[in-house]
Each structure stands twice: as structure tokens, then as C-alpha cells.
Amino acid sequence: MKRKTRNRILLTTLLVAAAVVLIGGTMALILTAGTWKVKLKESQEKVCNKGWECSGSKYCCNDTITDFFKVYQFETLFAKRNSPVAHAVGFWDYQSFILAAALFEPLGFCTTGGKQMQMMELCAFLGHVGAKTSCGYGVATGGPTAWGLCYNHEMSTDQGYCDKSNLQYPCVDGVDYYGRGAIPVYWNYNYGAAGDGIHVDLLHHPEYLEQNATMAFMAAMWRWMTPMKKKQPSAHDVFVGNWKPTKNDTLNKRFPGFGATMNVLYGDQICGKGYADSMNVIISHYQYYLDLMGVGREHSGDNRDCAEQVAFNPSYKPDDQQQAS
């Protein structure tokens, strides 16, 4: 090979190597700059402190619950809870609700989005609470939706709700796990999980949920804010728009909105059964509270029902899945 040719090859090689080094260095700088941009953005994300009710969170920069939900409104929503015929007279009060909410407001509970969304979420959560603790009926004074927070525990229980196969939260001897609380908790494993969530030993002391209104609200809010399985949304997520349905969700007619909150909380106990009374009564409470709060039921959002939704966690396996397992 001639010297001239060799020199040309050597020069070309050096130029390519230099270009690689330059490009690599430029990419490294770009990646480094990108990383610092992310870190800078994180460090610059605004957080706010509003005292005991909400601190150390971006959500605290929005209105807090006490900004738009006052004692008189609580009394209006649950007007019949202390009637002589109610079954939890003197138990539920506004202060207990606000004390419980203060633990979850920094996580976005009724502090996500603008004021209307915050009020809608409040009414959505309380819609479940009201429906699940109501002793109202069709001809009840004030109508059936006026009787929320009438109960704090299941009145006629025919079982102890002990699942002996659950080893993570084994039943405690002599303890019954019937329904208690604002969104009633059943079964040993649900008491155990809720207890872990609010840092109270509910597995050994489920009775706390019918003895302490703040704990009862805390357990309900924890359930609202917490997904039951990985890669699944919470009731909060599906309501405020944090959750984006997958193709499988769409095929199973699961969409963001109030309807999906019932799916998350109750599954096929209520959803996928058409327009059943058990579903309609929850929607009615939600819309009734929207009206009383001045938001109006016309703002109850899309996808209000779960009549045709397949449950996130079916209580049974379809035949084809049973055969495949």
C-alpha cells in the first residue's frame, strides 16, 4: 500500500474517532443537562403549608376542605343522623370528619384540581358514606337520602366474617369482623389491611370503628385513596382523572368517573348488574349532596354508573378461566 494511501486511511480513522468522541461528549452533556432539568423541576415544585390541616404538599396549595365545607353544610347533608330513631345518635360529627381528612388532604383527598373538582370529590366520597350508613327508606321523613350516617355498624350480623385461609391477617379468637365504619369494613383481611393503612390495630380491635368516629372516617378515606392491587387505580384516581384506562379496561367498559368508584370499592357486588337499586341508591346520594353543596347534579360528570362494567376484581372466574386454570 502506498504511503499516501496509508496516510489518508489514518487521517480518516482519526477524524471518525474524533467525531465519535465529540458526539459522545455532546450526548453526555445533553443527558446530564436533562437529568439536572428533571432534578431542578422536582426541587422547584411548589409545596404549601396551611397548618394542621394540610402541609408539605403541592395539594395544600389548593383550597383545603374547611375552605369550602363548613359545619352547617355537614349538618345539612346528614340532617337526620341524630334523630331519635337513628342507630348512632351522637356518634358522627364534623370535627371527626375534618380531623380524619387532614391525614389525606396532603395526598390529594378533596384537594386535587380546581374548587369544583374538589367539591365533586367530597360529594362523591360522602355519597358512598351516606348510602352505606343510611337507614332511610322510600317514605322516610325528608326522603331516603336525608338519613346518611344513621348507622356505625352492621345491626343484624349472621356471621363473624373470618377467613381462616388468610395467613397474612389471621382471625383473632373471639373477634367478629362484621361491618363497621363510614364505608363499612368486613372480613379479617380487610380490617388488617385498613389497620396497617391508618396505623391502628384493627385486626385485634375492629370495634374501634364503632367507638371512634375519627378512626371510622380515616378507614373509609384510606380505602378511597388506596388501590387494592398493584397496577390498579384507587377510587380517588378514577374520579379525579389520575387514571387512564387500558385497552382491556375499555373493552370491559371501565371508564373514569363516579361509576368506576363503585367498581373499585364493591366490584361485582354492585357493578355489571344493570341498573340495580343497590347501585342507583349510591348515585342518588352523590347527586343529592351535589345539589345541597351548590354544585348541582348536572355536574356529576360522565360515566356515573357501572351498570355494564366488568369488575376490576371479579368475585368469580368465568368458565373459560376456570377450565384454563
C-alpha atoms as a PDB file:
ATOM      1  CA  MET A   1       0.000   0.000   0.000  1.00  0.00           C
ATOM      2  CA  LYS A   2       1.383   3.372  -0.896  1.00  0.00           C
ATOM      3  CA  ARG A   3       2.372   5.770   1.896  1.00  0.00           C
ATOM      4  CA  LYS A   4      -0.116   8.358   0.592  1.00  0.00           C
ATOM      5  CA  THR A   5      -2.984   5.886   0.827  1.00  0.00           C
ATOM      6  CA  ARG A   6      -1.929   4.785   4.321  1.00  0.00           C
ATOM      7  CA  ASN A   7      -1.834   8.382   5.488  1.00  0.00           C
ATOM      8  CA  ARG A   8      -5.287   9.010   4.064  1.00  0.00           C
ATOM      9  CA  ILE A   9      -6.703   5.964   5.910  1.00  0.00           C
ATOM     10  CA  LEU A  10      -5.012   7.010   9.143  1.00  0.00           C
ATOM     11  CA  LEU A  11      -6.355  10.556   8.815  1.00  0.00           C
ATOM     12  CA  THR A  12      -9.882   9.285   8.132  1.00  0.00           C
ATOM     13  CA  THR A  13      -9.703   6.977  11.162  1.00  0.00           C
ATOM     14  CA  LEU A  14      -8.590   9.815  13.402  1.00  0.00           C
ATOM     15  CA  LEU A  15     -11.359  12.075  12.115  1.00  0.00           C
ATOM     16  CA  VAL A  16     -14.024   9.373  12.751  1.00  0.00           C
ATOM     17  CA  ALA A  17     -12.660   8.759  16.244  1.00  0.00           C
ATOM     18  CA  ALA A  18     -12.709  12.473  16.978  1.00  0.00           C
ATOM     19  CA  ALA A  19     -16.285  12.712  15.718  1.00  0.00           C
ATOM     20  CA  VAL A  20     -17.362   9.796  17.939  1.00  0.00           C
ATOM     21  CA  VAL A  21     -15.739  11.421  20.957  1.00  0.00           C
ATOM     22  CA  LEU A  22     -17.387  14.752  20.119  1.00  0.00           C
ATOM     23  CA  ILE A  23     -20.836  13.208  19.582  1.00  0.00           C
ATOM     24  CA  GLY A  24     -20.498  11.066  22.696  1.00  0.00           C
ATOM     25  CA  GLY A  25     -19.464  14.080  24.727  1.00  0.00           C
ATOM     26  CA  THR A  26     -22.347  16.099  23.334  1.00  0.00           C
ATOM     27  CA  MET A  27     -24.820  13.291  24.148  1.00  0.00           C
ATOM     28  CA  ALA A  28     -23.401  13.017  27.645  1.00  0.00           C
ATOM     29  CA  LEU A  29     -23.838  16.735  28.108  1.00  0.00           C
ATOM     30  CA  ILE A  30     -27.416  16.543  26.785  1.00  0.00           C
ATOM     31  CA  LEU A  31     -28.255  13.628  29.095  1.00  0.00           C
ATOM     32  CA  THR A  32     -26.594  15.347  32.036  1.00  0.00           C
ATOM     33  CA  ALA A  33     -28.476  18.563  31.295  1.00  0.00           C
ATOM     34  CA  GLY A  34     -31.726  16.602  31.003  1.00  0.00           C
ATOM     35  CA  THR A  35     -31.124  14.908  34.337  1.00  0.00           C
ATOM     36  CA  TRP A  36     -30.412  18.227  36.017  1.00  0.00           C
ATOM     37  CA  LYS A  37     -33.532  19.716  34.417  1.00  0.00           C
ATOM     38  CA  VAL A  38     -35.652  16.952  35.971  1.00  0.00           C
ATOM     39  CA  LYS A  39     -33.978  17.411  39.347  1.00  0.00           C
ATOM     40  CA  LEU A  40     -34.348  21.174  39.117  1.00  0.00           C
ATOM     41  CA  LYS A  41     -38.038  20.808  38.255  1.00  0.00           C
ATOM     42  CA  GLU A  42     -38.540  18.479  41.199  1.00  0.00           C
ATOM     43  CA  SER A  43     -36.732  20.843  43.547  1.00  0.00           C
ATOM     44  CA  GLN A  44     -38.754  23.798  42.242  1.00  0.00           C
ATOM     45  CA  GLU A  45     -42.164  22.075  42.554  1.00  0.00           C
ATOM     46  CA  LYS A  46     -44.173  24.303  44.808  1.00  0.00           C
ATOM     47  CA  VAL A  47     -45.367  22.942  48.130  1.00  0.00           C
ATOM     48  CA  CYS A  48     -47.526  24.792  50.620  1.00  0.00           C
ATOM     49  CA  ASN A  49     -48.132  24.698  54.342  1.00  0.00           C
ATOM     50  CA  LYS A  50     -51.530  25.518  55.780  1.00  0.00           C
ATOM     51  CA  GLY A  51     -51.049  24.459  59.356  1.00  0.00           C
ATOM     52  CA  TRP A  52     -52.577  21.367  60.917  1.00  0.00           C
ATOM     53  CA  GLU A  53     -54.999  20.655  58.059  1.00  0.00           C
ATOM     54  CA  CYS A  54     -52.578  20.399  55.127  1.00  0.00           C
ATOM     55  CA  SER A  55     -48.807  20.842  54.982  1.00  0.00           C
ATOM     56  CA  GLY A  56     -45.765  19.876  52.924  1.00  0.00           C
ATOM     57  CA  SER A  57     -47.589  19.055  49.697  1.00  0.00           C
ATOM     58  CA  LYS A  58     -48.409  20.633  46.349  1.00  0.00           C
ATOM     59  CA  TYR A  59     -52.052  19.772  47.028  1.00  0.00           C
ATOM     60  CA  CYS A  60     -52.028  22.078  50.028  1.00  0.00           C
ATOM     61  CA  CYS A  61     -51.609  24.988  47.612  1.00  0.00           C
ATOM     62  CA  ASN A  62     -55.254  24.466  46.624  1.00  0.00           C
ATOM     63  CA  ASP A  63     -58.251  25.173  48.834  1.00  0.00           C
ATOM     64  CA  THR A  64     -58.477  22.818  51.789  1.00  0.00           C
ATOM     65  CA  ILE A  65     -61.727  21.147  52.778  1.00  0.00           C
ATOM     66  CA  THR A  66     -62.525  23.648  55.527  1.00  0.00           C
ATOM     67  CA  ASP A  67     -62.371  26.406  52.909  1.00  0.00           C
ATOM     68  CA  PHE A  68     -65.492  25.121  51.163  1.00  0.00           C
ATOM     69  CA  PHE A  69     -67.137  22.655  53.557  1.00  0.00           C
ATOM     70  CA  LYS A  70     -68.439  24.103  56.813  1.00  0.00           C
ATOM     71  CA  VAL A  71     -70.212  22.726  59.870  1.00  0.00           C
ATOM     72  CA  TYR A  72     -73.634  23.892  58.684  1.00  0.00           C
ATOM     73  CA  GLN A  73     -73.172  22.035  55.381  1.00  0.00           C
ATOM     74  CA  PHE A  74     -72.267  18.822  57.182  1.00  0.00           C
ATOM     75  CA  GLU A  75     -75.417  19.261  59.260  1.00  0.00           C
ATOM     76  CA  THR A  76     -77.481  19.804  56.111  1.00  0.00           C
ATOM     77  CA  LEU A  77     -76.100  16.745  54.321  1.00  0.00           C
ATOM     78  CA  PHE A  78     -76.686  14.477  57.311  1.00  0.00           C
ATOM     79  CA  ALA A  79     -79.741  16.165  58.758  1.00  0.00           C
ATOM     80  CA  LYS A  80     -81.371  13.064  60.252  1.00  0.00           C
ATOM     81  CA  ARG A  81     -78.343  11.320  61.727  1.00  0.00           C
ATOM     82  CA  ASN A  82     -79.216  12.293  65.308  1.00  0.00           C
ATOM     83  CA  SER A  83     -82.946  11.676  65.055  1.00  0.00           C
ATOM     84  CA  PRO A  84     -84.307   9.529  67.898  1.00  0.00           C
ATOM     85  CA  VAL A  85     -84.860   6.602  65.527  1.00  0.00           C
ATOM     86  CA  ALA A  86     -81.269   6.670  64.210  1.00  0.00           C
ATOM     87  CA  HIS A  87     -78.848   3.989  65.412  1.00  0.00           C
ATOM     88  CA  ALA A  88     -75.688   6.053  66.011  1.00  0.00           C
ATOM     89  CA  VAL A  89     -77.045   9.147  67.743  1.00  0.00           C
ATOM     90  CA  GLY A  90     -74.257  11.493  68.817  1.00  0.00           C
ATOM     91  CA  PHE A  91     -71.514   9.454  67.145  1.00  0.00           C
ATOM     92  CA  TRP A  92     -70.778  11.191  63.824  1.00  0.00           C
ATOM     93  CA  ASP A  93     -69.718  14.851  63.726  1.00  0.00           C
ATOM     94  CA  TYR A  94     -67.992  17.408  61.518  1.00  0.00           C
ATOM     95  CA  GLN A  95     -64.866  17.666  63.661  1.00  0.00           C
ATOM     96  CA  SER A  96     -64.197  13.921  63.394  1.00  0.00           C
ATOM     97  CA  PHE A  97     -64.510  14.124  59.622  1.00  0.00           C
ATOM     98  CA  ILE A  98     -62.099  17.072  59.318  1.00  0.00           C
ATOM     99  CA  LEU A  99     -59.523  15.527  61.676  1.00  0.00           C
ATOM    100  CA  ALA A 100     -59.547  12.350  59.598  1.00  0.00           C
ATOM    101  CA  ALA A 101     -59.399  14.274  56.309  1.00  0.00           C
ATOM    102  CA  ALA A 102     -56.307  16.200  57.463  1.00  0.00           C
ATOM    103  CA  LEU A 103     -54.294  12.977  57.128  1.00  0.00           C
ATOM    104  CA  PHE A 104     -55.284  12.556  53.487  1.00  0.00           C
ATOM    105  CA  GLU A 105     -55.560  16.098  52.134  1.00  0.00           C
ATOM    106  CA  PRO A 106     -51.766  16.291  51.560  1.00  0.00           C
ATOM    107  CA  LEU A 107     -52.207  13.198  49.351  1.00  0.00           C
ATOM    108  CA  GLY A 108     -54.878  14.865  47.219  1.00  0.00           C
ATOM    109  CA  PHE A 109     -58.089  13.900  49.032  1.00  0.00           C
ATOM    110  CA  CYS A 110     -60.525  16.662  48.022  1.00  0.00           C
ATOM    111  CA  THR A 111     -57.507  18.882  47.276  1.00  0.00           C
ATOM    112  CA  THR A 112     -56.943  17.767  43.664  1.00  0.00           C
ATOM    113  CA  GLY A 113     -57.832  20.075  40.782  1.00  0.00           C
ATOM    114  CA  GLY A 114     -59.916  23.223  40.966  1.00  0.00           C
ATOM    115  CA  LYS A 115     -62.582  24.028  43.525  1.00  0.00           C
ATOM    116  CA  GLN A 116     -65.388  22.362  41.552  1.00  0.00           C
ATOM    117  CA  MET A 117     -63.477  19.090  41.262  1.00  0.00           C
ATOM    118  CA  GLN A 118     -62.635  19.255  44.958  1.00  0.00           C
ATOM    119  CA  MET A 119     -66.299  19.697  45.869  1.00  0.00           C
ATOM    120  CA  MET A 120     -67.313  16.959  43.463  1.00  0.00           C
ATOM    121  CA  GLU A 121     -64.882  14.530  45.078  1.00  0.00           C
ATOM    122  CA  LEU A 122     -66.163  15.439  48.525  1.00  0.00           C
ATOM    123  CA  CYS A 123     -69.731  14.711  47.396  1.00  0.00           C
ATOM    124  CA  ALA A 124     -68.623  11.500  45.676  1.00  0.00           C
ATOM    125  CA  PHE A 125     -66.901  10.184  48.798  1.00  0.00           C
ATOM    126  CA  LEU A 126     -69.767  11.226  51.061  1.00  0.00           C
ATOM    127  CA  GLY A 127     -72.224   9.743  48.561  1.00  0.00           C
ATOM    128  CA  HIS A 128     -70.756   6.335  49.320  1.00  0.00           C
ATOM    129  CA  VAL A 129     -70.693   7.045  53.043  1.00  0.00           C
ATOM    130  CA  GLY A 130     -74.267   8.283  53.105  1.00  0.00           C
ATOM    131  CA  ALA A 131     -75.630   5.374  51.084  1.00  0.00           C
ATOM    132  CA  LYS A 132     -73.763   2.748  53.107  1.00  0.00           C
ATOM    133  CA  THR A 133     -74.819   4.135  56.508  1.00  0.00           C
ATOM    134  CA  SER A 134     -78.379   5.176  55.647  1.00  0.00           C
ATOM    135  CA  CYS A 135     -81.484   3.969  57.438  1.00  0.00           C
ATOM    136  CA  GLY A 136     -83.717   5.883  55.038  1.00  0.00           C
ATOM    137  CA  TYR A 137     -86.467   4.279  53.006  1.00  0.00           C
ATOM    138  CA  GLY A 138     -88.933   5.404  50.379  1.00  0.00           C
ATOM    139  CA  VAL A 139     -91.393   7.213  52.640  1.00  0.00           C
ATOM    140  CA  ALA A 140     -88.917   8.296  55.338  1.00  0.00           C
ATOM    141  CA  THR A 141     -89.238  11.900  56.520  1.00  0.00           C
ATOM    142  CA  GLY A 142     -87.052  14.044  54.288  1.00  0.00           C
ATOM    143  CA  GLY A 143     -86.655  11.204  51.798  1.00  0.00           C
ATOM    144  CA  PRO A 144     -84.198   8.276  51.841  1.00  0.00           C
ATOM    145  CA  THR A 145     -81.142  10.404  51.011  1.00  0.00           C
ATOM    146  CA  ALA A 146     -81.525  12.509  54.190  1.00  0.00           C
ATOM    147  CA  TRP A 147     -80.632   9.634  56.506  1.00  0.00           C
ATOM    148  CA  GLY A 148     -76.915   9.121  55.922  1.00  0.00           C
ATOM    149  CA  LEU A 149     -74.713   8.344  58.949  1.00  0.00           C
ATOM    150  CA  CYS A 150     -77.648   6.677  60.672  1.00  0.00           C
ATOM    151  CA  TYR A 151     -75.518   3.584  61.471  1.00  0.00           C
ATOM    152  CA  ASN A 152     -71.933   2.998  62.515  1.00  0.00           C
ATOM    153  CA  HIS A 153     -72.038  -0.807  62.411  1.00  0.00           C
ATOM    154  CA  GLU A 154     -73.989  -3.690  60.961  1.00  0.00           C
ATOM    155  CA  MET A 155     -77.119  -4.282  63.016  1.00  0.00           C
ATOM    156  CA  SER A 156     -78.043  -7.857  62.116  1.00  0.00           C
ATOM    157  CA  THR A 157     -74.961  -9.937  61.562  1.00  0.00           C
ATOM    158  CA  ASP A 158     -75.280 -13.650  60.938  1.00  0.00           C
ATOM    159  CA  GLN A 159     -71.571 -14.446  60.711  1.00  0.00           C
ATOM    160  CA  GLY A 160     -68.200 -13.478  62.094  1.00  0.00           C
ATOM    161  CA  TYR A 161     -66.620 -12.788  58.655  1.00  0.00           C
ATOM    162  CA  CYS A 162     -63.496 -14.783  59.477  1.00  0.00           C
ATOM    163  CA  ASP A 163     -61.495 -16.140  56.554  1.00  0.00           C
ATOM    164  CA  LYS A 164     -59.268 -18.749  58.208  1.00  0.00           C
ATOM    165  CA  SER A 165     -57.337 -19.301  54.985  1.00  0.00           C
ATOM    166  CA  ASN A 166     -55.837 -15.803  55.172  1.00  0.00           C
ATOM    167  CA  LEU A 167     -52.450 -16.128  56.853  1.00  0.00           C
ATOM    168  CA  GLN A 168     -51.362 -12.520  56.493  1.00  0.00           C
ATOM    169  CA  TYR A 169     -54.174 -11.297  58.720  1.00  0.00           C
ATOM    170  CA  PRO A 170     -55.289 -14.343  60.748  1.00  0.00           C
ATOM    171  CA  CYS A 171     -58.515 -14.107  62.701  1.00  0.00           C
ATOM    172  CA  VAL A 172     -58.210 -13.321  66.392  1.00  0.00           C
ATOM    173  CA  ASP A 173     -60.069 -15.674  68.712  1.00  0.00           C
ATOM    174  CA  GLY A 174     -63.323 -14.225  69.949  1.00  0.00           C
ATOM    175  CA  VAL A 175     -63.298 -11.307  67.491  1.00  0.00           C
ATOM    176  CA  ASP A 176     -66.027 -10.735  64.897  1.00  0.00           C
ATOM    177  CA  TYR A 177     -65.299  -8.859  61.678  1.00  0.00           C
ATOM    178  CA  TYR A 178     -68.778  -7.713  60.730  1.00  0.00           C
ATOM    179  CA  GLY A 179     -69.351  -4.372  59.003  1.00  0.00           C
ATOM    180  CA  ARG A 180     -68.288  -1.248  60.862  1.00  0.00           C
ATOM    181  CA  GLY A 181     -67.364   2.299  59.906  1.00  0.00           C
ATOM    182  CA  ALA A 182     -68.269   5.032  57.416  1.00  0.00           C
ATOM    183  CA  ILE A 183     -67.718   2.757  54.411  1.00  0.00           C
ATOM    184  CA  PRO A 184     -68.239  -0.492  56.328  1.00  0.00           C
ATOM    185  CA  VAL A 185     -65.258  -2.813  56.631  1.00  0.00           C
ATOM    186  CA  TYR A 186     -65.890  -6.577  56.533  1.00  0.00           C
ATOM    187  CA  TRP A 187     -63.617  -9.607  56.982  1.00  0.00           C
ATOM    188  CA  ASN A 188     -60.400 -10.048  58.923  1.00  0.00           C
ATOM    189  CA  TYR A 189     -58.107  -9.366  55.961  1.00  0.00           C
ATOM    190  CA  ASN A 190     -59.797  -6.016  55.245  1.00  0.00           C
ATOM    191  CA  TYR A 191     -59.561  -4.966  58.884  1.00  0.00           C
ATOM    192  CA  GLY A 192     -55.899  -5.954  58.896  1.00  0.00           C
ATOM    193  CA  ALA A 193     -55.090  -4.005  55.735  1.00  0.00           C
ATOM    194  CA  ALA A 194     -57.048  -0.932  56.838  1.00  0.00           C
ATOM    195  CA  GLY A 195     -55.371  -1.068  60.227  1.00  0.00           C
ATOM    196  CA  ASP A 196     -51.945  -1.100  58.602  1.00  0.00           C
ATOM    197  CA  GLY A 197     -53.024   1.826  56.438  1.00  0.00           C
ATOM    198  CA  ILE A 198     -54.094   4.071  59.313  1.00  0.00           C
ATOM    199  CA  HIS A 199     -51.586   2.639  61.853  1.00  0.00           C
ATOM    200  CA  VAL A 200     -54.206   1.248  64.218  1.00  0.00           C
ATOM    201  CA  ASP A 201     -54.517  -2.410  65.260  1.00  0.00           C
ATOM    202  CA  LEU A 202     -57.932  -3.075  63.770  1.00  0.00           C
ATOM    203  CA  LEU A 203     -57.268  -6.783  63.404  1.00  0.00           C
ATOM    204  CA  HIS A 204     -57.345  -7.198  67.195  1.00  0.00           C
ATOM    205  CA  HIS A 205     -59.709  -4.275  67.775  1.00  0.00           C
ATOM    206  CA  PRO A 206     -62.220  -3.890  64.951  1.00  0.00           C
ATOM    207  CA  GLU A 207     -64.604  -2.374  67.483  1.00  0.00           C
ATOM    208  CA  TYR A 208     -62.628   0.869  67.281  1.00  0.00           C
ATOM    209  CA  LEU A 209     -64.545   1.697  64.099  1.00  0.00           C
ATOM    210  CA  GLU A 210     -67.814   1.837  66.018  1.00  0.00           C
ATOM    211  CA  GLN A 211     -66.308   3.563  69.049  1.00  0.00           C
ATOM    212  CA  ASN A 212     -64.311   6.374  67.435  1.00  0.00           C
ATOM    213  CA  ALA A 213     -65.773   8.430  64.583  1.00  0.00           C
ATOM    214  CA  THR A 214     -62.410   9.845  63.510  1.00  0.00           C
ATOM    215  CA  MET A 215     -60.992   6.331  63.054  1.00  0.00           C
ATOM    216  CA  ALA A 216     -64.145   5.305  61.209  1.00  0.00           C
ATOM    217  CA  PHE A 217     -63.719   8.173  58.739  1.00  0.00           C
ATOM    218  CA  MET A 218     -59.959   7.504  58.484  1.00  0.00           C
ATOM    219  CA  ALA A 219     -60.538   3.874  57.474  1.00  0.00           C
ATOM    220  CA  ALA A 220     -63.051   4.968  54.822  1.00  0.00           C
ATOM    221  CA  MET A 221     -60.706   7.630  53.428  1.00  0.00           C
ATOM    222  CA  TRP A 222     -57.818   5.175  53.370  1.00  0.00           C
ATOM    223  CA  ARG A 223     -59.997   2.801  51.345  1.00  0.00           C
ATOM    224  CA  TRP A 224     -60.952   5.642  48.966  1.00  0.00           C
ATOM    225  CA  MET A 225     -57.334   6.670  48.398  1.00  0.00           C
ATOM    226  CA  THR A 226     -55.698   3.228  48.199  1.00  0.00           C
ATOM    227  CA  PRO A 227     -55.571   0.787  45.249  1.00  0.00           C
ATOM    228  CA  MET A 228     -56.338  -2.749  46.340  1.00  0.00           C
ATOM    229  CA  LYS A 229     -53.875  -4.302  43.904  1.00  0.00           C
ATOM    230  CA  LYS A 230     -50.754  -3.222  42.053  1.00  0.00           C
ATOM    231  CA  LYS A 231     -51.389  -1.591  38.674  1.00  0.00           C
ATOM    232  CA  GLN A 232     -54.981  -0.865  39.663  1.00  0.00           C
ATOM    233  CA  PRO A 233     -56.391   2.574  40.471  1.00  0.00           C
ATOM    234  CA  SER A 234     -57.917   3.830  43.692  1.00  0.00           C
ATOM    235  CA  ALA A 235     -61.425   5.270  43.854  1.00  0.00           C
ATOM    236  CA  HIS A 236     -59.766   8.686  44.136  1.00  0.00           C
ATOM    237  CA  ASP A 237     -57.741   8.051  40.969  1.00  0.00           C
ATOM    238  CA  VAL A 238     -60.690   7.017  38.822  1.00  0.00           C
ATOM    239  CA  PHE A 239     -62.719  10.001  39.968  1.00  0.00           C
ATOM    240  CA  VAL A 240     -60.269  12.905  39.668  1.00  0.00           C
ATOM    241  CA  GLY A 241     -58.766  11.768  36.354  1.00  0.00           C
ATOM    242  CA  ASN A 242     -55.423  10.345  37.543  1.00  0.00           C
ATOM    243  CA  TRP A 243     -56.264   7.003  35.941  1.00  0.00           C
ATOM    244  CA  LYS A 244     -56.051   6.332  32.195  1.00  0.00           C
ATOM    245  CA  PRO A 245     -57.947   3.199  31.117  1.00  0.00           C
ATOM    246  CA  THR A 246     -56.035   0.498  29.248  1.00  0.00           C
ATOM    247  CA  LYS A 247     -57.408  -1.213  26.158  1.00  0.00           C
ATOM    248  CA  ASN A 248     -58.585  -4.032  28.420  1.00  0.00           C
ATOM    249  CA  ASP A 249     -60.405  -1.545  30.661  1.00  0.00           C
ATOM    250  CA  THR A 250     -62.138  -0.039  27.640  1.00  0.00           C
ATOM    251  CA  LEU A 251     -63.201  -3.468  26.406  1.00  0.00           C
ATOM    252  CA  ASN A 252     -64.651  -4.125  29.852  1.00  0.00           C
ATOM    253  CA  LYS A 253     -66.476  -0.769  29.773  1.00  0.00           C
ATOM    254  CA  ARG A 254     -64.487   0.712  32.639  1.00  0.00           C
ATOM    255  CA  PHE A 255     -64.097   4.472  32.254  1.00  0.00           C
ATOM    256  CA  PRO A 256     -63.118   7.327  34.613  1.00  0.00           C
ATOM    257  CA  GLY A 257     -65.989   8.758  36.622  1.00  0.00           C
ATOM    258  CA  PHE A 258     -68.228   8.091  39.588  1.00  0.00           C
ATOM    259  CA  GLY A 259     -69.293   4.717  38.211  1.00  0.00           C
ATOM    260  CA  ALA A 260     -65.748   3.395  38.429  1.00  0.00           C
ATOM    261  CA  THR A 261     -65.539   4.368  42.116  1.00  0.00           C
ATOM    262  CA  MET A 262     -68.271   1.808  42.781  1.00  0.00           C
ATOM    263  CA  ASN A 263     -66.310  -0.739  40.774  1.00  0.00           C
ATOM    264  CA  VAL A 264     -63.161  -0.126  42.829  1.00  0.00           C
ATOM    265  CA  LEU A 265     -64.991  -0.233  46.162  1.00  0.00           C
ATOM    266  CA  TYR A 266     -67.544  -3.013  45.603  1.00  0.00           C
ATOM    267  CA  GLY A 267     -66.749  -4.807  42.353  1.00  0.00           C
ATOM    268  CA  ASP A 268     -69.419  -7.176  41.099  1.00  0.00           C
ATOM    269  CA  GLN A 269     -71.438  -6.887  44.282  1.00  0.00           C
ATOM    270  CA  ILE A 270     -72.905  -3.810  42.593  1.00  0.00           C
ATOM    271  CA  CYS A 271     -71.409  -3.383  39.120  1.00  0.00           C
ATOM    272  CA  GLY A 272     -72.263  -5.269  35.958  1.00  0.00           C
ATOM    273  CA  LYS A 273     -75.786  -5.982  37.185  1.00  0.00           C
ATOM    274  CA  GLY A 274     -77.654  -3.411  35.151  1.00  0.00           C
ATOM    275  CA  TYR A 275     -79.443  -0.514  36.821  1.00  0.00           C
ATOM    276  CA  ALA A 276     -79.954  -2.256  40.151  1.00  0.00           C
ATOM    277  CA  ASP A 277     -81.252  -0.456  43.244  1.00  0.00           C
ATOM    278  CA  SER A 278     -78.004  -1.120  45.103  1.00  0.00           C
ATOM    279  CA  MET A 279     -76.169   0.984  42.513  1.00  0.00           C
ATOM    280  CA  ASN A 280     -78.846   3.611  41.986  1.00  0.00           C
ATOM    281  CA  VAL A 281     -79.066   4.482  45.684  1.00  0.00           C
ATOM    282  CA  ILE A 282     -75.352   5.371  45.787  1.00  0.00           C
ATOM    283  CA  ILE A 283     -75.689   7.575  42.702  1.00  0.00           C
ATOM    284  CA  SER A 284     -78.749   9.232  44.265  1.00  0.00           C
ATOM    285  CA  HIS A 285     -76.811  10.151  47.411  1.00  0.00           C
ATOM    286  CA  TYR A 286     -73.935  11.551  45.346  1.00  0.00           C
ATOM    287  CA  GLN A 287     -76.248  13.742  43.276  1.00  0.00           C
ATOM    288  CA  TYR A 288     -78.291  14.804  46.320  1.00  0.00           C
ATOM    289  CA  TYR A 289     -75.119  16.042  48.024  1.00  0.00           C
ATOM    290  CA  LEU A 290     -74.012  17.855  44.864  1.00  0.00           C
ATOM    291  CA  ASP A 291     -77.321  19.729  44.918  1.00  0.00           C
ATOM    292  CA  LEU A 292     -77.029  20.600  48.610  1.00  0.00           C
ATOM    293  CA  MET A 293     -73.422  21.788  48.174  1.00  0.00           C
ATOM    294  CA  GLY A 294     -74.460  24.127  45.365  1.00  0.00           C
ATOM    295  CA  VAL A 295     -72.539  22.264  42.667  1.00  0.00           C
ATOM    296  CA  GLY A 296     -75.650  20.744  41.117  1.00  0.00           C
ATOM    297  CA  ARG A 297     -76.269  17.224  39.844  1.00  0.00           C
ATOM    298  CA  GLU A 298     -75.772  18.465  36.291  1.00  0.00           C
ATOM    299  CA  HIS A 299     -72.062  18.474  37.207  1.00  0.00           C
ATOM    300  CA  SER A 300     -71.955  14.880  38.390  1.00  0.00           C
ATOM    301  CA  GLY A 301     -69.652  14.012  35.484  1.00  0.00           C
ATOM    302  CA  ASP A 302     -69.588  11.412  32.733  1.00  0.00           C
ATOM    303  CA  ASN A 303     -69.823   7.660  33.345  1.00  0.00           C
ATOM    304  CA  ARG A 304     -71.856   7.958  36.531  1.00  0.00           C
ATOM    305  CA  ASP A 305     -72.953   4.341  36.681  1.00  0.00           C
ATOM    306  CA  CYS A 306     -71.255   0.955  36.477  1.00  0.00           C
ATOM    307  CA  ALA A 307     -74.271  -0.960  35.189  1.00  0.00           C
ATOM    308  CA  GLU A 308     -72.281  -2.630  32.404  1.00  0.00           C
ATOM    309  CA  GLN A 309     -68.777  -2.505  33.851  1.00  0.00           C
ATOM    310  CA  VAL A 310     -66.838  -5.709  34.415  1.00  0.00           C
ATOM    311  CA  ALA A 311     -65.349  -5.738  37.906  1.00  0.00           C
ATOM    312  CA  PHE A 312     -61.658  -4.930  38.335  1.00  0.00           C
ATOM    313  CA  ASN A 313     -61.502  -7.918  40.702  1.00  0.00           C
ATOM    314  CA  PRO A 314     -64.287 -10.396  39.891  1.00  0.00           C
ATOM    315  CA  SER A 315     -65.502 -12.499  42.800  1.00  0.00           C
ATOM    316  CA  TYR A 316     -65.724 -15.478  40.433  1.00  0.00           C
ATOM    317  CA  LYS A 317     -63.844 -16.804  37.430  1.00  0.00           C
ATOM    318  CA  PRO A 318     -65.589 -17.129  34.071  1.00  0.00           C
ATOM    319  CA  ASP A 319     -65.932 -20.724  32.843  1.00  0.00           C
ATOM    320  CA  ASP A 320     -63.140 -20.377  30.301  1.00  0.00           C
ATOM    321  CA  GLN A 321     -60.746 -19.134  33.013  1.00  0.00           C
ATOM    322  CA  GLN A 322     -61.781 -21.947  35.362  1.00  0.00           C
ATOM    323  CA  GLN A 323     -61.003 -24.515  32.694  1.00  0.00           C
ATOM    324  CA  ALA A 324     -57.685 -22.878  31.875  1.00  0.00           C
ATOM    325  CA  SER A 325     -56.517 -22.735  35.496  1.00  0.00           C
END
